[in-house]
Amino acid sequence: MESTAVEADVVERVIPAGYIQLMFHYKNPFVVVEPKGTFIQQPRSVISGLSNTFSDVSTKGEAGVVFVSFRPAGACHFFDFPLSEIENLSIDLNDIFQSEISRVEEALYFAHTITEKVAVIEHFLLGRWAPIPNHDSLLINKGLKSFRKSRDVPPSGFYRIACTPHQRPSKESLQNTSVKQPGS
């Protein structure tokens, strides 16, 4: 998605869709519009967990962003922390991957075409891909079967069970971020 500085700012309501989202802003980051009308700027690179609420976001001047959406079980291949820890949050990827994301952001800045920008993000993601351990895969399949049978388990409850890899950042590191959720 791109917009120029001369175009009017675009405000969109983002509704829960059941996906983990990565956003890489290569121009001005979006802003989250708070219920009281204040704006909070998104980080340049952000991961958003599953959410059960909507949020309003807006462009602010010249904007450019590449989105990557993952189903929860697919995201487990790329992130070595429980995805339940980012539920209803948007986290600056620098807080999770530090210098690795700084290099991605720099490469995005110097990439001239969308094809080059996508290649930068693909390279980052392919470097992070790992198979889900067999015991975690069995847990995911068991959770899927339970979810399909009962329909009483909310999606966040399923992926809290399904996506629990072994390496995790501390909860404190995820909670002490500069990104604020709308309405909080």
Foldseek 3Di string as FASTA:
>chain_A
DWDAQPDDKDKDKAAFDQWKKKKAKLPFAKWWQAPVGDTDGDARIKIAAGEHGITMIIDNHTTDMDMDIHHLLRCLQQDQAQSLLRYLHIFHVCLVVPPLVVVLNVQCNPDDDPVSNVVSVVVSRVVRGDDDPPVLVVQLVVLVVVCVVPVPQPSSNSSNRRRHHDDHDDSVSRVPGPDDGHPD
